[in-house]
Amino acid sequence: MTSRLASKILSSLLVSCLALCCLGLAACGGGGEVKDGTYTGQSSEFEGDAVDGAGYGVATITIKDGVITECTFETFELDGNKKDENYGKSLAGNRNKYTKAQNAVNACPEYAKALVDAGSLDGVDTISGATVNYDQFREAVEDALAQARA
């Protein structure tokens, strides 16, 4: 009976260890081990209009002990200009479009923070009005994670 109890305890410990390992991989997007370091990924270019987020995104992640500890995310116009507080001003005369463009820009640091807080892309939700940025964020982070797995 004692060996049976020890066997059950050992089995439980092994299952727990396996679950923790899987969670560690999930925290970095799954798909294999990641190396510590800082990695920068880029999304493909989106060619919508200014309001729909024409441009691309760049995410930089830092991984320490297999966990994403830092993340930044910025978006750029197709010509390489960073989207900032001036992004969308060319839409003067249509305040709603400028506001929408700025909401998308302001979502960038929120996506980055959500990734660090959640530990994986699965824990990052779309922010209303910033769906294109969300897609660019996911793609850029996946690119950075692929580099961390290489």
N, C-alpha and C. Protein backbone atom coordinates (compact mmCIF):
# COMPACT_ATOMS: atom_id res chain seq x y z
N MET A 1 0.83 -1.19 0.00
CA MET A 1 0.00 0.00 0.00
C MET A 1 0.87 1.25 0.00
N THR A 2 2.00 1.23 0.69
CA THR A 2 2.88 2.39 0.73
C THR A 2 3.47 2.67 -0.64
N SER A 3 3.87 1.63 -1.37
CA SER A 3 4.44 1.86 -2.70
C SER A 3 3.37 2.37 -3.66
N ARG A 4 2.14 1.94 -3.45
CA ARG A 4 1.05 2.43 -4.29
C ARG A 4 0.81 3.93 -4.05
N LEU A 5 0.84 4.34 -2.81
CA LEU A 5 0.67 5.75 -2.46
C LEU A 5 1.84 6.57 -3.01
N ALA A 6 3.05 6.06 -2.87
CA ALA A 6 4.23 6.76 -3.40
C ALA A 6 4.13 6.88 -4.91
N SER A 7 3.64 5.85 -5.57
CA SER A 7 3.49 5.86 -7.02
C SER A 7 2.47 6.92 -7.44
N LYS A 8 1.37 7.04 -6.70
CA LYS A 8 0.35 8.06 -7.01
C LYS A 8 0.91 9.47 -6.80
N ILE A 9 1.66 9.64 -5.74
CA ILE A 9 2.26 10.96 -5.45
C ILE A 9 3.25 11.31 -6.55
N LEU A 10 4.09 10.35 -6.93
CA LEU A 10 5.06 10.59 -7.98
C LEU A 10 4.36 10.92 -9.30
N SER A 11 3.31 10.20 -9.62
CA SER A 11 2.55 10.47 -10.84
C SER A 11 1.96 11.87 -10.81
N SER A 12 1.41 12.25 -9.68
CA SER A 12 0.83 13.59 -9.54
C SER A 12 1.90 14.67 -9.72
N LEU A 13 3.07 14.45 -9.14
CA LEU A 13 4.15 15.41 -9.29
C LEU A 13 4.59 15.53 -10.74
N LEU A 14 4.69 14.41 -11.43
CA LEU A 14 5.10 14.44 -12.84
C LEU A 14 4.07 15.17 -13.69
N VAL A 15 2.80 14.91 -13.45
CA VAL A 15 1.74 15.60 -14.19
C VAL A 15 1.80 17.10 -13.91
N SER A 16 2.02 17.48 -12.66
CA SER A 16 2.12 18.90 -12.30
C SER A 16 3.30 19.56 -13.00
N CYS A 17 4.44 18.87 -13.01
CA CYS A 17 5.62 19.42 -13.68
C CYS A 17 5.38 19.59 -15.17
N LEU A 18 4.76 18.60 -15.78
CA LEU A 18 4.45 18.67 -17.20
C LEU A 18 3.50 19.84 -17.48
N ALA A 19 2.51 20.02 -16.64
CA ALA A 19 1.56 21.12 -16.82
C ALA A 19 2.28 22.47 -16.72
N LEU A 20 3.19 22.61 -15.76
CA LEU A 20 3.94 23.86 -15.61
C LEU A 20 4.81 24.12 -16.83
N CYS A 21 5.43 23.08 -17.36
CA CYS A 21 6.25 23.24 -18.57
C CYS A 21 5.39 23.71 -19.73
N CYS A 22 4.22 23.12 -19.87
CA CYS A 22 3.32 23.52 -20.96
C CYS A 22 2.87 24.96 -20.80
N LEU A 23 2.60 25.36 -19.57
CA LEU A 23 2.20 26.74 -19.33
C LEU A 23 3.32 27.70 -19.68
N GLY A 24 4.55 27.32 -19.37
CA GLY A 24 5.70 28.15 -19.71
C GLY A 24 5.81 28.35 -21.20
N LEU A 25 5.60 27.28 -21.98
CA LEU A 25 5.65 27.40 -23.43
C LEU A 25 4.47 28.21 -23.95
N ALA A 26 3.31 28.02 -23.36
CA ALA A 26 2.13 28.78 -23.79
C ALA A 26 2.33 30.26 -23.54
N ALA A 27 3.05 30.60 -22.47
CA ALA A 27 3.28 32.00 -22.16
C ALA A 27 4.01 32.71 -23.28
N CYS A 28 4.78 31.98 -24.03
CA CYS A 28 5.52 32.58 -25.13
C CYS A 28 4.94 32.22 -26.47
N GLY A 29 3.71 31.77 -26.50
CA GLY A 29 3.05 31.51 -27.75
C GLY A 29 3.13 30.06 -28.20
N GLY A 30 3.73 29.20 -27.41
CA GLY A 30 3.81 27.79 -27.76
C GLY A 30 4.75 27.56 -28.92
N GLY A 31 4.79 26.31 -29.37
CA GLY A 31 5.57 26.00 -30.56
C GLY A 31 7.03 25.76 -30.30
N GLY A 32 7.48 25.55 -29.10
CA GLY A 32 8.88 25.23 -28.83
C GLY A 32 9.49 26.14 -27.80
N GLU A 33 10.72 25.77 -27.42
CA GLU A 33 11.44 26.55 -26.42
C GLU A 33 11.85 27.89 -26.99
N VAL A 34 11.88 28.87 -26.12
CA VAL A 34 12.34 30.20 -26.51
C VAL A 34 13.61 30.52 -25.75
N LYS A 35 14.49 31.26 -26.40
CA LYS A 35 15.74 31.67 -25.78
C LYS A 35 15.56 33.05 -25.18
N ASP A 36 16.21 33.26 -24.05
CA ASP A 36 16.19 34.59 -23.44
C ASP A 36 16.85 35.58 -24.39
N GLY A 37 16.36 36.80 -24.35
CA GLY A 37 16.92 37.85 -25.18
C GLY A 37 15.85 38.83 -25.60
N THR A 38 16.23 39.76 -26.45
CA THR A 38 15.31 40.76 -26.98
C THR A 38 15.19 40.54 -28.48
N TYR A 39 13.95 40.49 -28.94
CA TYR A 39 13.66 40.17 -30.33
C TYR A 39 12.68 41.18 -30.90
N THR A 40 12.88 41.54 -32.16
CA THR A 40 12.00 42.49 -32.83
C THR A 40 11.36 41.82 -34.03
N GLY A 41 10.05 41.90 -34.09
CA GLY A 41 9.30 41.33 -35.20
C GLY A 41 8.51 42.39 -35.91
N GLN A 42 8.20 42.13 -37.16
CA GLN A 42 7.44 43.09 -37.96
C GLN A 42 6.28 42.38 -38.65
N SER A 43 5.17 43.08 -38.74
CA SER A 43 4.01 42.56 -39.46
C SER A 43 4.19 42.82 -40.95
N SER A 44 3.33 42.21 -41.73
CA SER A 44 3.29 42.54 -43.15
C SER A 44 2.63 43.90 -43.30
N GLU A 45 2.75 44.47 -44.48
CA GLU A 45 2.15 45.78 -44.73
C GLU A 45 0.67 45.63 -45.03
N PHE A 46 -0.11 46.55 -44.45
CA PHE A 46 -1.54 46.62 -44.72
C PHE A 46 -1.76 47.85 -45.58
N GLU A 47 -2.49 47.70 -46.66
CA GLU A 47 -2.62 48.80 -47.60
C GLU A 47 -4.03 49.38 -47.65
N GLY A 48 -4.64 49.57 -46.49
CA GLY A 48 -5.93 50.25 -46.44
C GLY A 48 -5.70 51.75 -46.46
N ASP A 49 -6.75 52.52 -46.20
CA ASP A 49 -6.56 53.96 -46.11
C ASP A 49 -6.05 54.33 -44.72
N ALA A 50 -5.81 55.62 -44.51
CA ALA A 50 -5.21 56.07 -43.25
C ALA A 50 -6.05 55.67 -42.04
N VAL A 51 -7.36 55.73 -42.18
CA VAL A 51 -8.23 55.39 -41.07
C VAL A 51 -8.18 53.89 -40.76
N ASP A 52 -8.01 53.10 -41.80
CA ASP A 52 -7.99 51.65 -41.60
C ASP A 52 -6.60 51.14 -41.26
N GLY A 53 -5.65 52.02 -41.05
CA GLY A 53 -4.36 51.60 -40.54
C GLY A 53 -3.33 51.24 -41.57
N ALA A 54 -3.34 51.86 -42.77
CA ALA A 54 -2.33 51.56 -43.78
C ALA A 54 -0.95 51.65 -43.14
N GLY A 55 -0.16 50.61 -43.32
CA GLY A 55 1.18 50.59 -42.74
C GLY A 55 1.51 49.22 -42.19
N TYR A 56 2.37 49.20 -41.18
CA TYR A 56 2.83 47.95 -40.57
C TYR A 56 3.15 48.20 -39.10
N GLY A 57 3.29 47.12 -38.37
CA GLY A 57 3.60 47.22 -36.95
C GLY A 57 4.92 46.54 -36.62
N VAL A 58 5.56 47.04 -35.56
CA VAL A 58 6.83 46.49 -35.09
C VAL A 58 6.71 46.24 -33.58
N ALA A 59 6.95 44.99 -33.20
CA ALA A 59 6.91 44.62 -31.77
C ALA A 59 8.31 44.20 -31.34
N THR A 60 8.71 44.67 -30.18
CA THR A 60 9.97 44.24 -29.57
C THR A 60 9.61 43.60 -28.24
N ILE A 61 10.06 42.35 -28.07
CA ILE A 61 9.78 41.63 -26.83
C ILE A 61 11.10 41.24 -26.16
N THR A 62 11.07 41.20 -24.84
CA THR A 62 12.20 40.71 -24.07
C THR A 62 11.73 39.47 -23.33
N ILE A 63 12.53 38.41 -23.44
CA ILE A 63 12.21 37.14 -22.77
C ILE A 63 13.29 36.86 -21.74
N LYS A 64 12.87 36.55 -20.54
CA LYS A 64 13.78 36.19 -19.45
C LYS A 64 13.22 34.96 -18.76
N ASP A 65 14.04 33.95 -18.63
CA ASP A 65 13.63 32.69 -18.02
C ASP A 65 12.39 32.11 -18.72
N GLY A 66 12.32 32.28 -20.03
CA GLY A 66 11.23 31.72 -20.81
C GLY A 66 9.93 32.49 -20.74
N VAL A 67 9.94 33.67 -20.14
CA VAL A 67 8.73 34.47 -19.96
C VAL A 67 8.91 35.83 -20.62
N ILE A 68 7.87 36.32 -21.28
CA ILE A 68 7.91 37.66 -21.86
C ILE A 68 7.82 38.67 -20.72
N THR A 69 8.90 39.43 -20.54
CA THR A 69 8.94 40.39 -19.43
C THR A 69 8.73 41.83 -19.88
N GLU A 70 8.96 42.10 -21.16
CA GLU A 70 8.78 43.45 -21.69
C GLU A 70 8.27 43.36 -23.11
N CYS A 71 7.53 44.37 -23.51
CA CYS A 71 7.05 44.44 -24.89
C CYS A 71 6.77 45.89 -25.25
N THR A 72 7.15 46.26 -26.45
CA THR A 72 6.75 47.54 -27.02
C THR A 72 6.13 47.25 -28.38
N PHE A 73 5.22 48.09 -28.79
CA PHE A 73 4.59 47.94 -30.09
C PHE A 73 4.34 49.32 -30.67
N GLU A 74 4.81 49.52 -31.90
CA GLU A 74 4.62 50.78 -32.60
C GLU A 74 4.14 50.46 -34.01
N THR A 75 3.40 51.41 -34.57
CA THR A 75 2.95 51.25 -35.94
C THR A 75 3.53 52.38 -36.79
N PHE A 76 3.70 52.04 -38.07
CA PHE A 76 4.33 52.96 -39.01
C PHE A 76 3.50 53.05 -40.28
N GLU A 77 3.54 54.22 -40.91
CA GLU A 77 2.90 54.38 -42.20
C GLU A 77 3.76 53.65 -43.23
N LEU A 78 3.21 53.43 -44.41
CA LEU A 78 3.93 52.69 -45.45
C LEU A 78 5.24 53.35 -45.84
N ASP A 79 5.34 54.68 -45.67
CA ASP A 79 6.58 55.39 -46.00
C ASP A 79 7.61 55.33 -44.86
N GLY A 80 7.27 54.64 -43.76
CA GLY A 80 8.20 54.49 -42.65
C GLY A 80 8.02 55.49 -41.53
N ASN A 81 7.15 56.48 -41.70
CA ASN A 81 6.90 57.45 -40.63
C ASN A 81 6.12 56.78 -39.50
N LYS A 82 6.58 57.03 -38.27
CA LYS A 82 5.90 56.47 -37.11
C LYS A 82 4.54 57.13 -36.94
N LYS A 83 3.55 56.32 -36.62
CA LYS A 83 2.22 56.85 -36.33
C LYS A 83 2.26 57.39 -34.90
N ASP A 84 2.00 58.67 -34.75
CA ASP A 84 2.07 59.32 -33.45
C ASP A 84 0.87 60.25 -33.28
N GLU A 85 1.03 61.25 -32.43
CA GLU A 85 -0.10 62.16 -32.16
C GLU A 85 -0.53 62.95 -33.39
N ASN A 86 0.28 62.97 -34.42
CA ASN A 86 -0.08 63.67 -35.66
C ASN A 86 -0.75 62.76 -36.68
N TYR A 87 -0.74 61.47 -36.41
CA TYR A 87 -1.30 60.53 -37.36
C TYR A 87 -2.81 60.78 -37.53
N GLY A 88 -3.23 60.94 -38.75
CA GLY A 88 -4.63 61.18 -39.06
C GLY A 88 -4.99 62.64 -39.20
N LYS A 89 -4.05 63.55 -38.92
CA LYS A 89 -4.36 64.98 -39.05
C LYS A 89 -4.64 65.36 -40.49
N SER A 90 -4.14 64.56 -41.43
CA SER A 90 -4.41 64.85 -42.84
C SER A 90 -5.88 64.66 -43.16
N LEU A 91 -6.60 64.07 -42.24
CA LEU A 91 -8.04 63.86 -42.42
C LEU A 91 -8.83 65.03 -41.85
N ALA A 92 -8.15 66.19 -41.79
CA ALA A 92 -8.80 67.39 -41.26
C ALA A 92 -10.14 67.58 -41.96
N GLY A 93 -11.07 68.00 -41.20
CA GLY A 93 -12.41 68.17 -41.72
C GLY A 93 -13.31 67.01 -41.35
N ASN A 94 -12.70 65.92 -40.94
CA ASN A 94 -13.49 64.79 -40.47
C ASN A 94 -12.93 64.35 -39.13
N ARG A 95 -13.39 65.01 -38.10
CA ARG A 95 -12.90 64.78 -36.73
C ARG A 95 -13.06 63.32 -36.31
N ASN A 96 -14.13 62.66 -36.74
CA ASN A 96 -14.35 61.26 -36.36
C ASN A 96 -13.24 60.35 -36.89
N LYS A 97 -12.79 60.61 -38.12
CA LYS A 97 -11.72 59.77 -38.69
C LYS A 97 -10.40 60.01 -37.97
N TYR A 98 -10.11 61.28 -37.64
CA TYR A 98 -8.89 61.58 -36.88
C TYR A 98 -8.94 60.91 -35.51
N THR A 99 -10.09 60.98 -34.86
CA THR A 99 -10.25 60.34 -33.55
C THR A 99 -10.05 58.84 -33.65
N LYS A 100 -10.59 58.23 -34.69
CA LYS A 100 -10.43 56.79 -34.87
C LYS A 100 -8.95 56.45 -35.09
N ALA A 101 -8.27 57.25 -35.91
CA ALA A 101 -6.84 57.02 -36.16
C ALA A 101 -6.05 57.13 -34.86
N GLN A 102 -6.37 58.10 -34.04
CA GLN A 102 -5.66 58.28 -32.77
C GLN A 102 -5.99 57.18 -31.77
N ASN A 103 -7.22 56.70 -31.78
CA ASN A 103 -7.57 55.58 -30.90
C ASN A 103 -6.73 54.35 -31.24
N ALA A 104 -6.50 54.14 -32.53
CA ALA A 104 -5.68 53.00 -32.95
C ALA A 104 -4.23 53.18 -32.47
N VAL A 105 -3.70 54.39 -32.60
CA VAL A 105 -2.33 54.66 -32.14
C VAL A 105 -2.24 54.44 -30.62
N ASN A 106 -3.23 54.91 -29.90
CA ASN A 106 -3.21 54.78 -28.44
C ASN A 106 -3.38 53.35 -27.96
N ALA A 107 -3.88 52.47 -28.84
CA ALA A 107 -4.04 51.06 -28.46
C ALA A 107 -2.70 50.32 -28.45
N CYS A 108 -1.71 50.84 -29.15
CA CYS A 108 -0.42 50.13 -29.26
C CYS A 108 0.20 49.79 -27.90
N PRO A 109 0.38 50.76 -27.01
CA PRO A 109 0.97 50.40 -25.72
C PRO A 109 0.05 49.51 -24.87
N GLU A 110 -1.25 49.62 -25.10
CA GLU A 110 -2.18 48.75 -24.37
C GLU A 110 -2.02 47.30 -24.79
N TYR A 111 -1.83 47.06 -26.09
CA TYR A 111 -1.60 45.69 -26.56
C TYR A 111 -0.31 45.14 -25.95
N ALA A 112 0.74 45.97 -25.95
CA ALA A 112 2.03 45.53 -25.40
C ALA A 112 1.90 45.18 -23.92
N LYS A 113 1.23 46.02 -23.16
CA LYS A 113 1.05 45.77 -21.72
C LYS A 113 0.22 44.51 -21.50
N ALA A 114 -0.82 44.33 -22.30
CA ALA A 114 -1.67 43.15 -22.15
C ALA A 114 -0.89 41.86 -22.40
N LEU A 115 0.05 41.89 -23.34
CA LEU A 115 0.87 40.71 -23.61
C LEU A 115 1.73 40.36 -22.40
N VAL A 116 2.37 41.35 -21.82
CA VAL A 116 3.22 41.10 -20.64
C VAL A 116 2.35 40.62 -19.47
N ASP A 117 1.22 41.25 -19.27
CA ASP A 117 0.33 40.87 -18.16
C ASP A 117 -0.21 39.45 -18.34
N ALA A 118 -0.63 39.12 -19.56
CA ALA A 118 -1.26 37.82 -19.82
C ALA A 118 -0.23 36.71 -20.00
N GLY A 119 0.94 37.06 -20.49
CA GLY A 119 1.97 36.07 -20.71
C GLY A 119 1.88 35.35 -22.04
N SER A 120 0.84 35.61 -22.81
CA SER A 120 0.71 34.99 -24.13
C SER A 120 -0.23 35.82 -25.00
N LEU A 121 -0.13 35.59 -26.30
CA LEU A 121 -1.02 36.29 -27.22
C LEU A 121 -2.48 35.91 -26.99
N ASP A 122 -2.70 34.70 -26.49
CA ASP A 122 -4.08 34.26 -26.23
C ASP A 122 -4.78 35.15 -25.21
N GLY A 123 -4.02 35.83 -24.37
CA GLY A 123 -4.61 36.68 -23.35
C GLY A 123 -4.78 38.12 -23.77
N VAL A 124 -4.50 38.43 -25.04
CA VAL A 124 -4.62 39.81 -25.52
C VAL A 124 -5.89 39.93 -26.36
N ASP A 125 -6.79 40.78 -25.92
CA ASP A 125 -8.07 40.98 -26.62
C ASP A 125 -7.99 42.18 -27.56
N THR A 126 -8.83 42.14 -28.58
CA THR A 126 -8.93 43.24 -29.52
C THR A 126 -9.54 44.45 -28.83
N ILE A 127 -8.99 45.62 -29.12
CA ILE A 127 -9.54 46.87 -28.61
C ILE A 127 -10.40 47.46 -29.72
N SER A 128 -11.62 47.83 -29.37
CA SER A 128 -12.55 48.39 -30.35
C SER A 128 -11.92 49.60 -31.04
N GLY A 129 -11.99 49.61 -32.36
CA GLY A 129 -11.44 50.72 -33.13
C GLY A 129 -9.98 50.52 -33.50
N ALA A 130 -9.38 49.41 -33.05
CA ALA A 130 -7.96 49.16 -33.33
C ALA A 130 -7.75 47.72 -33.78
N THR A 131 -8.66 47.23 -34.60
CA THR A 131 -8.60 45.84 -35.04
C THR A 131 -7.43 45.59 -35.98
N VAL A 132 -7.16 46.51 -36.90
CA VAL A 132 -6.02 46.34 -37.80
C VAL A 132 -4.73 46.32 -36.99
N ASN A 133 -4.62 47.22 -36.01
CA ASN A 133 -3.44 47.23 -35.14
C ASN A 133 -3.31 45.91 -34.38
N TYR A 134 -4.42 45.35 -33.97
CA TYR A 134 -4.41 44.08 -33.26
C TYR A 134 -3.82 42.99 -34.15
N ASP A 135 -4.26 42.95 -35.40
CA ASP A 135 -3.74 41.95 -36.33
C ASP A 135 -2.24 42.16 -36.57
N GLN A 136 -1.83 43.42 -36.73
CA GLN A 136 -0.42 43.74 -36.92
C GLN A 136 0.38 43.37 -35.67
N PHE A 137 -0.17 43.63 -34.50
CA PHE A 137 0.50 43.29 -33.24
C PHE A 137 0.74 41.79 -33.15
N ARG A 138 -0.30 41.02 -33.37
CA ARG A 138 -0.17 39.55 -33.29
C ARG A 138 0.88 39.04 -34.27
N GLU A 139 0.83 39.55 -35.48
CA GLU A 139 1.77 39.09 -36.50
C GLU A 139 3.22 39.48 -36.13
N ALA A 140 3.41 40.69 -35.65
CA ALA A 140 4.75 41.15 -35.27
C ALA A 140 5.29 40.36 -34.07
N VAL A 141 4.44 40.09 -33.08
CA VAL A 141 4.88 39.31 -31.91
C VAL A 141 5.19 37.88 -32.33
N GLU A 142 4.37 37.30 -33.20
CA GLU A 142 4.64 35.94 -33.67
C GLU A 142 5.98 35.89 -34.41
N ASP A 143 6.30 36.94 -35.18
CA ASP A 143 7.58 37.00 -35.87
C ASP A 143 8.73 37.06 -34.86
N ALA A 144 8.58 37.87 -33.83
CA ALA A 144 9.62 37.99 -32.78
C ALA A 144 9.77 36.64 -32.05
N LEU A 145 8.68 35.97 -31.75
CA LEU A 145 8.74 34.68 -31.06
C LEU A 145 9.40 33.62 -31.94
N ALA A 146 9.18 33.68 -33.24
CA ALA A 146 9.83 32.73 -34.15
C ALA A 146 11.35 32.91 -34.08
N GLN A 147 11.79 34.14 -33.96
CA GLN A 147 13.22 34.39 -33.82
C GLN A 147 13.74 33.84 -32.49
N ALA A 148 12.94 33.96 -31.44
CA ALA A 148 13.34 33.46 -30.13
C ALA A 148 13.42 31.94 -30.10
N ARG A 149 12.69 31.29 -30.99
CA ARG A 149 12.71 29.82 -31.05
C ARG A 149 13.82 29.30 -31.96
N ALA A 150 14.35 30.17 -32.82
CA ALA A 150 15.35 29.74 -33.83
C ALA A 150 16.67 29.33 -33.19
